[in-house]
Amino acid sequence: MRTLLRAITIAGTAVSVFSGVGNPAQAAQPNNPACLGHDFSGYAQGGAAFGGFISGLAGGTQGVGNEIQLHLAGSIPDTVIPNTCND
């Protein structure tokens, strides 16, 4: 009886774990594909100051994820930094 209960518990756990695997995440397409790579390439060609800027930003803000998302969304205007994602 104990073995049967254990098998049912394991099977139930497996079903609950794997039931969410088949649902892929949904995300919007970027406004301008490859804009982030294009922009970062241009910034890096401008000199080593860009690397220091990113390093400082990452160290001071727990990472640059939010800033990258704002850039990709086109929320950062060209007056702040050239942004081809907002075209």
PDB file of N, CA and C in Angstrom:
ATOM      1  N   MET A   1       0.811  -1.189   0.000  1.00  0.00           N
ATOM      2  CA  MET A   1       0.000   0.000   0.000  1.00  0.00           C
ATOM      3  C   MET A   1       0.861   1.261   0.000  1.00  0.00           C
ATOM      4  N   ARG A   2       1.902   1.235   0.811  1.00  0.00           N
ATOM      5  CA  ARG A   2       2.793   2.377   0.900  1.00  0.00           C
ATOM      6  C   ARG A   2       3.501   2.621  -0.437  1.00  0.00           C
ATOM      7  N   THR A   3       3.885   1.554  -1.129  1.00  0.00           N
ATOM      8  CA  THR A   3       4.536   1.662  -2.428  1.00  0.00           C
ATOM      9  C   THR A   3       3.591   2.258  -3.464  1.00  0.00           C
ATOM     10  N   LEU A   4       2.328   1.849  -3.433  1.00  0.00           N
ATOM     11  CA  LEU A   4       1.340   2.381  -4.365  1.00  0.00           C
ATOM     12  C   LEU A   4       1.121   3.871  -4.128  1.00  0.00           C
ATOM     13  N   LEU A   5       1.015   4.277  -2.885  1.00  0.00           N
ATOM     14  CA  LEU A   5       0.822   5.684  -2.544  1.00  0.00           C
ATOM     15  C   LEU A   5       2.017   6.514  -2.997  1.00  0.00           C
ATOM     16  N   ARG A   6       3.201   5.957  -2.803  1.00  0.00           N
ATOM     17  CA  ARG A   6       4.421   6.649  -3.225  1.00  0.00           C
ATOM     18  C   ARG A   6       4.464   6.797  -4.748  1.00  0.00           C
ATOM     19  N   ALA A   7       4.087   5.758  -5.470  1.00  0.00           N
ATOM     20  CA  ALA A   7       4.067   5.800  -6.938  1.00  0.00           C
ATOM     21  C   ALA A   7       3.055   6.838  -7.434  1.00  0.00           C
ATOM     22  N   ILE A   8       1.905   6.908  -6.802  1.00  0.00           N
ATOM     23  CA  ILE A   8       0.887   7.889  -7.200  1.00  0.00           C
ATOM     24  C   ILE A   8       1.388   9.310  -6.929  1.00  0.00           C
ATOM     25  N   THR A   9       2.042   9.510  -5.818  1.00  0.00           N
ATOM     26  CA  THR A   9       2.590  10.827  -5.480  1.00  0.00           C
ATOM     27  C   THR A   9       3.656  11.245  -6.486  1.00  0.00           C
ATOM     28  N   ILE A  10       4.536  10.334  -6.842  1.00  0.00           N
ATOM     29  CA  ILE A  10       5.594  10.634  -7.821  1.00  0.00           C
ATOM     30  C   ILE A  10       4.981  10.933  -9.187  1.00  0.00           C
ATOM     31  N   ALA A  11       4.005  10.159  -9.595  1.00  0.00           N
ATOM     32  CA  ALA A  11       3.350  10.385 -10.882  1.00  0.00           C
ATOM     33  C   ALA A  11       2.641  11.739 -10.906  1.00  0.00           C
ATOM     34  N   GLY A  12       1.960  12.068  -9.818  1.00  0.00           N
ATOM     35  CA  GLY A  12       1.275  13.362  -9.742  1.00  0.00           C
ATOM     36  C   GLY A  12       2.247  14.521  -9.798  1.00  0.00           C
ATOM     37  N   THR A  13       3.373  14.383  -9.123  1.00  0.00           N
ATOM     38  CA  THR A  13       4.400  15.420  -9.151  1.00  0.00           C
ATOM     39  C   THR A  13       4.966  15.575 -10.555  1.00  0.00           C
ATOM     40  N   ALA A  14       5.238  14.466 -11.227  1.00  0.00           N
ATOM     41  CA  ALA A  14       5.778  14.516 -12.587  1.00  0.00           C
ATOM     42  C   ALA A  14       4.804  15.197 -13.539  1.00  0.00           C
ATOM     43  N   VAL A  15       3.533  14.878 -13.422  1.00  0.00           N
ATOM     44  CA  VAL A  15       2.530  15.491 -14.294  1.00  0.00           C
ATOM     45  C   VAL A  15       2.464  16.987 -14.051  1.00  0.00           C
ATOM     46  N   SER A  16       2.494  17.411 -12.790  1.00  0.00           N
ATOM     47  CA  SER A  16       2.401  18.844 -12.499  1.00  0.00           C
ATOM     48  C   SER A  16       3.642  19.592 -12.954  1.00  0.00           C
ATOM     49  N   VAL A  17       4.802  18.965 -12.867  1.00  0.00           N
ATOM     50  CA  VAL A  17       6.042  19.615 -13.299  1.00  0.00           C
ATOM     51  C   VAL A  17       6.090  19.747 -14.814  1.00  0.00           C
ATOM     52  N   PHE A  18       5.728  18.681 -15.523  1.00  0.00           N
ATOM     53  CA  PHE A  18       5.872  18.690 -16.971  1.00  0.00           C
ATOM     54  C   PHE A  18       4.665  19.259 -17.711  1.00  0.00           C
ATOM     55  N   SER A  19       3.605  19.587 -17.023  1.00  0.00           N
ATOM     56  CA  SER A  19       2.433  20.125 -17.715  1.00  0.00           C
ATOM     57  C   SER A  19       2.673  21.539 -18.232  1.00  0.00           C
ATOM     58  N   GLY A  20       3.549  22.291 -17.610  1.00  0.00           N
ATOM     59  CA  GLY A  20       3.824  23.653 -18.056  1.00  0.00           C
ATOM     60  C   GLY A  20       4.928  23.749 -19.087  1.00  0.00           C
ATOM     61  N   VAL A  21       5.594  22.659 -19.395  1.00  0.00           N
ATOM     62  CA  VAL A  21       6.725  22.685 -20.316  1.00  0.00           C
ATOM     63  C   VAL A  21       6.296  22.986 -21.746  1.00  0.00           C
ATOM     64  N   GLY A  22       5.109  22.576 -22.141  1.00  0.00           N
ATOM     65  CA  GLY A  22       4.678  22.744 -23.526  1.00  0.00           C
ATOM     66  C   GLY A  22       4.165  24.127 -23.878  1.00  0.00           C
ATOM     67  N   ASN A  23       4.152  25.053 -22.948  1.00  0.00           N
ATOM     68  CA  ASN A  23       3.652  26.397 -23.220  1.00  0.00           C
ATOM     69  C   ASN A  23       4.817  27.360 -23.401  1.00  0.00           C
ATOM     70  N   PRO A  24       5.167  27.716 -24.640  1.00  0.00           N
ATOM     71  CA  PRO A  24       6.293  28.622 -24.849  1.00  0.00           C
ATOM     72  C   PRO A  24       5.950  30.046 -24.401  1.00  0.00           C
ATOM     73  N   ALA A  25       6.962  30.790 -24.044  1.00  0.00           N
ATOM     74  CA  ALA A  25       6.771  32.182 -23.638  1.00  0.00           C
ATOM     75  C   ALA A  25       6.389  33.022 -24.850  1.00  0.00           C
ATOM     76  N   GLN A  26       5.560  33.994 -24.629  1.00  0.00           N
ATOM     77  CA  GLN A  26       5.138  34.893 -25.701  1.00  0.00           C
ATOM     78  C   GLN A  26       5.852  36.231 -25.514  1.00  0.00           C
ATOM     79  N   ALA A  27       6.367  36.761 -26.594  1.00  0.00           N
ATOM     80  CA  ALA A  27       7.043  38.052 -26.539  1.00  0.00           C
ATOM     81  C   ALA A  27       6.744  38.820 -27.813  1.00  0.00           C
ATOM     82  N   ALA A  28       6.732  40.116 -27.698  1.00  0.00           N
ATOM     83  CA  ALA A  28       6.492  40.965 -28.864  1.00  0.00           C
ATOM     84  C   ALA A  28       7.754  41.040 -29.713  1.00  0.00           C
ATOM     85  N   GLN A  29       7.574  41.222 -30.993  1.00  0.00           N
ATOM     86  CA  GLN A  29       8.712  41.405 -31.887  1.00  0.00           C
ATOM     87  C   GLN A  29       9.297  42.802 -31.664  1.00  0.00           C
ATOM     88  N   PRO A  30      10.618  42.944 -31.737  1.00  0.00           N
ATOM     89  CA  PRO A  30      11.210  44.271 -31.579  1.00  0.00           C
ATOM     90  C   PRO A  30      10.793  45.182 -32.731  1.00  0.00           C
ATOM     91  N   ASN A  31      10.761  46.475 -32.455  1.00  0.00           N
ATOM     92  CA  ASN A  31      10.402  47.452 -33.477  1.00  0.00           C
ATOM     93  C   ASN A  31      11.329  47.383 -34.680  1.00  0.00           C
ATOM     94  N   ASN A  32      12.591  47.244 -34.415  1.00  0.00           N
ATOM     95  CA  ASN A  32      13.608  47.258 -35.457  1.00  0.00           C
ATOM     96  C   ASN A  32      14.584  46.116 -35.152  1.00  0.00           C
ATOM     97  N   PRO A  33      14.426  44.945 -35.793  1.00  0.00           N
ATOM     98  CA  PRO A  33      15.300  43.815 -35.488  1.00  0.00           C
ATOM     99  C   PRO A  33      16.780  44.188 -35.619  1.00  0.00           C
ATOM    100  N   ALA A  34      17.569  43.712 -34.728  1.00  0.00           N
ATOM    101  CA  ALA A  34      19.023  43.908 -34.687  1.00  0.00           C
ATOM    102  C   ALA A  34      19.430  45.329 -34.318  1.00  0.00           C
ATOM    103  N   CYS A  35      18.496  46.141 -33.843  1.00  0.00           N
ATOM    104  CA  CYS A  35      18.836  47.527 -33.510  1.00  0.00           C
ATOM    105  C   CYS A  35      19.811  47.593 -32.332  1.00  0.00           C
ATOM    106  N   LEU A  36      19.654  46.729 -31.358  1.00  0.00           N
ATOM    107  CA  LEU A  36      20.533  46.775 -30.194  1.00  0.00           C
ATOM    108  C   LEU A  36      21.977  46.466 -30.589  1.00  0.00           C
ATOM    109  N   GLY A  37      22.179  45.422 -31.378  1.00  0.00           N
ATOM    110  CA  GLY A  37      23.530  45.090 -31.836  1.00  0.00           C
ATOM    111  C   GLY A  37      24.137  46.187 -32.686  1.00  0.00           C
ATOM    112  N   HIS A  38      23.322  46.779 -33.541  1.00  0.00           N
ATOM    113  CA  HIS A  38      23.783  47.882 -34.385  1.00  0.00           C
ATOM    114  C   HIS A  38      24.211  49.062 -33.521  1.00  0.00           C
ATOM    115  N   ASP A  39      23.388  49.401 -32.554  1.00  0.00           N
ATOM    116  CA  ASP A  39      23.701  50.539 -31.687  1.00  0.00           C
ATOM    117  C   ASP A  39      24.936  50.270 -30.838  1.00  0.00           C
ATOM    118  N   PHE A  40      25.000  49.093 -30.211  1.00  0.00           N
ATOM    119  CA  PHE A  40      26.145  48.783 -29.362  1.00  0.00           C
ATOM    120  C   PHE A  40      27.444  48.751 -30.161  1.00  0.00           C
ATOM    121  N   SER A  41      27.367  48.266 -31.387  1.00  0.00           N
ATOM    122  CA  SER A  41      28.553  48.262 -32.244  1.00  0.00           C
ATOM    123  C   SER A  41      29.044  49.686 -32.480  1.00  0.00           C
ATOM    124  N   GLY A  42      28.105  50.565 -32.773  1.00  0.00           N
ATOM    125  CA  GLY A  42      28.473  51.972 -32.981  1.00  0.00           C
ATOM    126  C   GLY A  42      29.038  52.611 -31.727  1.00  0.00           C
ATOM    127  N   TYR A  43      28.438  52.320 -30.583  1.00  0.00           N
ATOM    128  CA  TYR A  43      28.940  52.884 -29.328  1.00  0.00           C
ATOM    129  C   TYR A  43      30.351  52.385 -29.048  1.00  0.00           C
ATOM    130  N   ALA A  44      30.591  51.085 -29.250  1.00  0.00           N
ATOM    131  CA  ALA A  44      31.902  50.493 -28.970  1.00  0.00           C
ATOM    132  C   ALA A  44      32.967  51.053 -29.904  1.00  0.00           C
ATOM    133  N   GLN A  45      32.599  51.337 -31.155  1.00  0.00           N
ATOM    134  CA  GLN A  45      33.564  51.906 -32.086  1.00  0.00           C
ATOM    135  C   GLN A  45      33.944  53.329 -31.695  1.00  0.00           C
ATOM    136  N   GLY A  46      33.132  53.946 -30.869  1.00  0.00           N
ATOM    137  CA  GLY A  46      33.419  55.299 -30.401  1.00  0.00           C
ATOM    138  C   GLY A  46      34.534  55.357 -29.376  1.00  0.00           C
ATOM    139  N   GLY A  47      34.963  54.231 -28.851  1.00  0.00           N
ATOM    140  CA  GLY A  47      36.067  54.217 -27.897  1.00  0.00           C
ATOM    141  C   GLY A  47      35.777  53.373 -26.679  1.00  0.00           C
ATOM    142  N   ALA A  48      36.759  53.298 -25.814  1.00  0.00           N
ATOM    143  CA  ALA A  48      36.674  52.449 -24.626  1.00  0.00           C
ATOM    144  C   ALA A  48      35.740  53.020 -23.566  1.00  0.00           C
ATOM    145  N   ALA A  49      35.324  54.242 -23.697  1.00  0.00           N
ATOM    146  CA  ALA A  49      34.451  54.848 -22.686  1.00  0.00           C
ATOM    147  C   ALA A  49      33.130  54.096 -22.574  1.00  0.00           C
ATOM    148  N   PHE A  50      32.665  53.490 -23.663  1.00  0.00           N
ATOM    149  CA  PHE A  50      31.400  52.748 -23.620  1.00  0.00           C
ATOM    150  C   PHE A  50      31.502  51.553 -22.688  1.00  0.00           C
ATOM    151  N   GLY A  51      32.616  50.833 -22.736  1.00  0.00           N
ATOM    152  CA  GLY A  51      32.812  49.694 -21.840  1.00  0.00           C
ATOM    153  C   GLY A  51      32.809  50.127 -20.390  1.00  0.00           C
ATOM    154  N   GLY A  52      33.451  51.241 -20.094  1.00  0.00           N
ATOM    155  CA  GLY A  52      33.455  51.767 -18.732  1.00  0.00           C
ATOM    156  C   GLY A  52      32.071  52.209 -18.293  1.00  0.00           C
ATOM    157  N   PHE A  53      31.317  52.788 -19.231  1.00  0.00           N
ATOM    158  CA  PHE A  53      29.944  53.205 -18.935  1.00  0.00           C
ATOM    159  C   PHE A  53      29.087  52.001 -18.569  1.00  0.00           C
ATOM    160  N   ILE A  54      29.152  50.941 -19.383  1.00  0.00           N
ATOM    161  CA  ILE A  54      28.361  49.730 -19.123  1.00  0.00           C
ATOM    162  C   ILE A  54      28.798  49.081 -17.808  1.00  0.00           C
ATOM    163  N   SER A  55      30.090  49.024 -17.566  1.00  0.00           N
ATOM    164  CA  SER A  55      30.605  48.433 -16.330  1.00  0.00           C
ATOM    165  C   SER A  55      30.099  49.208 -15.118  1.00  0.00           C
ATOM    166  N   GLY A  56      30.173  50.517 -15.177  1.00  0.00           N
ATOM    167  CA  GLY A  56      29.692  51.344 -14.067  1.00  0.00           C
ATOM    168  C   GLY A  56      28.195  51.212 -13.859  1.00  0.00           C
ATOM    169  N   LEU A  57      27.459  51.191 -14.968  1.00  0.00           N
ATOM    170  CA  LEU A  57      26.005  51.055 -14.891  1.00  0.00           C
ATOM    171  C   LEU A  57      25.618  49.702 -14.296  1.00  0.00           C
ATOM    172  N   ALA A  58      26.284  48.663 -14.745  1.00  0.00           N
ATOM    173  CA  ALA A  58      25.979  47.318 -14.248  1.00  0.00           C
ATOM    174  C   ALA A  58      26.317  47.194 -12.765  1.00  0.00           C
ATOM    175  N   GLY A  59      27.395  47.794 -12.348  1.00  0.00           N
ATOM    176  CA  GLY A  59      27.791  47.716 -10.946  1.00  0.00           C
ATOM    177  C   GLY A  59      26.915  48.558 -10.034  1.00  0.00           C
ATOM    178  N   GLY A  60      26.391  49.646 -10.557  1.00  0.00           N
ATOM    179  CA  GLY A  60      25.610  50.556  -9.734  1.00  0.00           C
ATOM    180  C   GLY A  60      24.119  50.298  -9.720  1.00  0.00           C
ATOM    181  N   THR A  61      23.626  49.480 -10.647  1.00  0.00           N
ATOM    182  CA  THR A  61      22.173  49.300 -10.743  1.00  0.00           C
ATOM    183  C   THR A  61      21.742  47.836 -10.700  1.00  0.00           C
ATOM    184  N   GLN A  62      22.569  46.936 -10.234  1.00  0.00           N
ATOM    185  CA  GLN A  62      22.235  45.508 -10.187  1.00  0.00           C
ATOM    186  C   GLN A  62      22.059  44.923 -11.588  1.00  0.00           C
ATOM    187  N   GLY A  63      22.766  45.435 -12.576  1.00  0.00           N
ATOM    188  CA  GLY A  63      22.673  44.928 -13.939  1.00  0.00           C
ATOM    189  C   GLY A  63      22.108  45.974 -14.882  1.00  0.00           C
ATOM    190  N   VAL A  64      22.129  45.652 -16.168  1.00  0.00           N
ATOM    191  CA  VAL A  64      21.656  46.603 -17.170  1.00  0.00           C
ATOM    192  C   VAL A  64      20.401  46.108 -17.879  1.00  0.00           C
ATOM    193  N   GLY A  65      19.730  45.121 -17.328  1.00  0.00           N
ATOM    194  CA  GLY A  65      18.545  44.549 -17.965  1.00  0.00           C
ATOM    195  C   GLY A  65      17.443  45.557 -18.212  1.00  0.00           C
ATOM    196  N   ASN A  66      17.128  46.374 -17.216  1.00  0.00           N
ATOM    197  CA  ASN A  66      16.063  47.372 -17.396  1.00  0.00           C
ATOM    198  C   ASN A  66      16.431  48.394 -18.457  1.00  0.00           C
ATOM    199  N   GLU A  67      17.686  48.816 -18.452  1.00  0.00           N
ATOM    200  CA  GLU A  67      18.139  49.794 -19.435  1.00  0.00           C
ATOM    201  C   GLU A  67      18.087  49.216 -20.850  1.00  0.00           C
ATOM    202  N   ILE A  68      18.470  47.955 -20.991  1.00  0.00           N
ATOM    203  CA  ILE A  68      18.419  47.293 -22.297  1.00  0.00           C
ATOM    204  C   ILE A  68      16.971  47.202 -22.780  1.00  0.00           C
ATOM    205  N   GLN A  69      16.056  46.842 -21.890  1.00  0.00           N
ATOM    206  CA  GLN A  69      14.641  46.741 -22.269  1.00  0.00           C
ATOM    207  C   GLN A  69      14.096  48.102 -22.704  1.00  0.00           C
ATOM    208  N   LEU A  70      14.469  49.159 -22.002  1.00  0.00           N
ATOM    209  CA  LEU A  70      14.033  50.505 -22.396  1.00  0.00           C
ATOM    210  C   LEU A  70      14.594  50.876 -23.763  1.00  0.00           C
ATOM    211  N   HIS A  71      15.837  50.521 -23.993  1.00  0.00           N
ATOM    212  CA  HIS A  71      16.465  50.803 -25.289  1.00  0.00           C
ATOM    213  C   HIS A  71      15.734  50.064 -26.402  1.00  0.00           C
ATOM    214  N   LEU A  72      15.484  48.775 -26.207  1.00  0.00           N
ATOM    215  CA  LEU A  72      14.797  47.975 -27.217  1.00  0.00           C
ATOM    216  C   LEU A  72      13.379  48.470 -27.480  1.00  0.00           C
ATOM    217  N   ALA A  73      12.724  48.979 -26.456  1.00  0.00           N
ATOM    218  CA  ALA A  73      11.358  49.479 -26.616  1.00  0.00           C
ATOM    219  C   ALA A  73      11.336  50.840 -27.297  1.00  0.00           C
ATOM    220  N   GLY A  74      12.501  51.437 -27.492  1.00  0.00           N
ATOM    221  CA  GLY A  74      12.550  52.751 -28.121  1.00  0.00           C
ATOM    222  C   GLY A  74      12.234  53.875 -27.162  1.00  0.00           C
ATOM    223  N   SER A  75      12.290  53.596 -25.867  1.00  0.00           N
ATOM    224  CA  SER A  75      11.936  54.596 -24.860  1.00  0.00           C
ATOM    225  C   SER A  75      13.047  55.588 -24.569  1.00  0.00           C
ATOM    226  N   ILE A  76      14.245  55.295 -25.014  1.00  0.00           N
ATOM    227  CA  ILE A  76      15.356  56.219 -24.799  1.00  0.00           C
ATOM    228  C   ILE A  76      15.485  57.083 -26.058  1.00  0.00           C
ATOM    229  N   PRO A  77      15.276  58.388 -25.921  1.00  0.00           N
ATOM    230  CA  PRO A  77      15.308  59.258 -27.100  1.00  0.00           C
ATOM    231  C   PRO A  77      16.722  59.450 -27.645  1.00  0.00           C
ATOM    232  N   ASP A  78      16.803  59.804 -28.907  1.00  0.00           N
ATOM    233  CA  ASP A  78      18.092  60.044 -29.553  1.00  0.00           C
ATOM    234  C   ASP A  78      18.838  61.215 -28.929  1.00  0.00           C
ATOM    235  N   THR A  79      18.127  62.093 -28.244  1.00  0.00           N
ATOM    236  CA  THR A  79      18.802  63.216 -27.600  1.00  0.00           C
ATOM    237  C   THR A  79      19.643  62.766 -26.414  1.00  0.00           C
ATOM    238  N   VAL A  80      19.319  61.596 -25.852  1.00  0.00           N
ATOM    239  CA  VAL A  80      20.092  61.043 -24.741  1.00  0.00           C
ATOM    240  C   VAL A  80      21.275  60.250 -25.286  1.00  0.00           C
ATOM    241  N   ILE A  81      20.986  59.336 -26.210  1.00  0.00           N
ATOM    242  CA  ILE A  81      21.985  58.485 -26.852  1.00  0.00           C
ATOM    243  C   ILE A  81      21.382  58.010 -28.168  1.00  0.00           C
ATOM    244  N   PRO A  82      22.165  57.936 -29.241  1.00  0.00           N
ATOM    245  CA  PRO A  82      21.599  57.471 -30.519  1.00  0.00           C
ATOM    246  C   PRO A  82      20.932  56.099 -30.355  1.00  0.00           C
ATOM    247  N   ASN A  83      19.681  55.992 -30.799  1.00  0.00           N
ATOM    248  CA  ASN A  83      18.890  54.784 -30.582  1.00  0.00           C
ATOM    249  C   ASN A  83      18.128  54.468 -31.852  1.00  0.00           C
ATOM    250  N   THR A  84      18.576  53.451 -32.588  1.00  0.00           N
ATOM    251  CA  THR A  84      17.866  53.058 -33.810  1.00  0.00           C
ATOM    252  C   THR A  84      16.656  52.199 -33.510  1.00  0.00           C
ATOM    253  N   CYS A  85      16.455  51.824 -32.252  1.00  0.00           N
ATOM    254  CA  CYS A  85      15.299  51.014 -31.873  1.00  0.00           C
ATOM    255  C   CYS A  85      14.016  51.855 -31.819  1.00  0.00           C
ATOM    256  N   ASN A  86      14.145  53.170 -31.815  1.00  0.00           N
ATOM    257  CA  ASN A  86      12.955  54.006 -31.744  1.00  0.00           C
ATOM    258  C   ASN A  86      12.556  54.589 -33.095  1.00  0.00           C
ATOM    259  N   ASP A  87      13.064  54.019 -34.172  1.00  0.00           N
ATOM    260  CA  ASP A  87      12.685  54.494 -35.515  1.00  0.00           C
ATOM    261  C   ASP A  87      11.309  54.028 -35.886  1.00  0.00           C
TER     262      ASP A  87
END
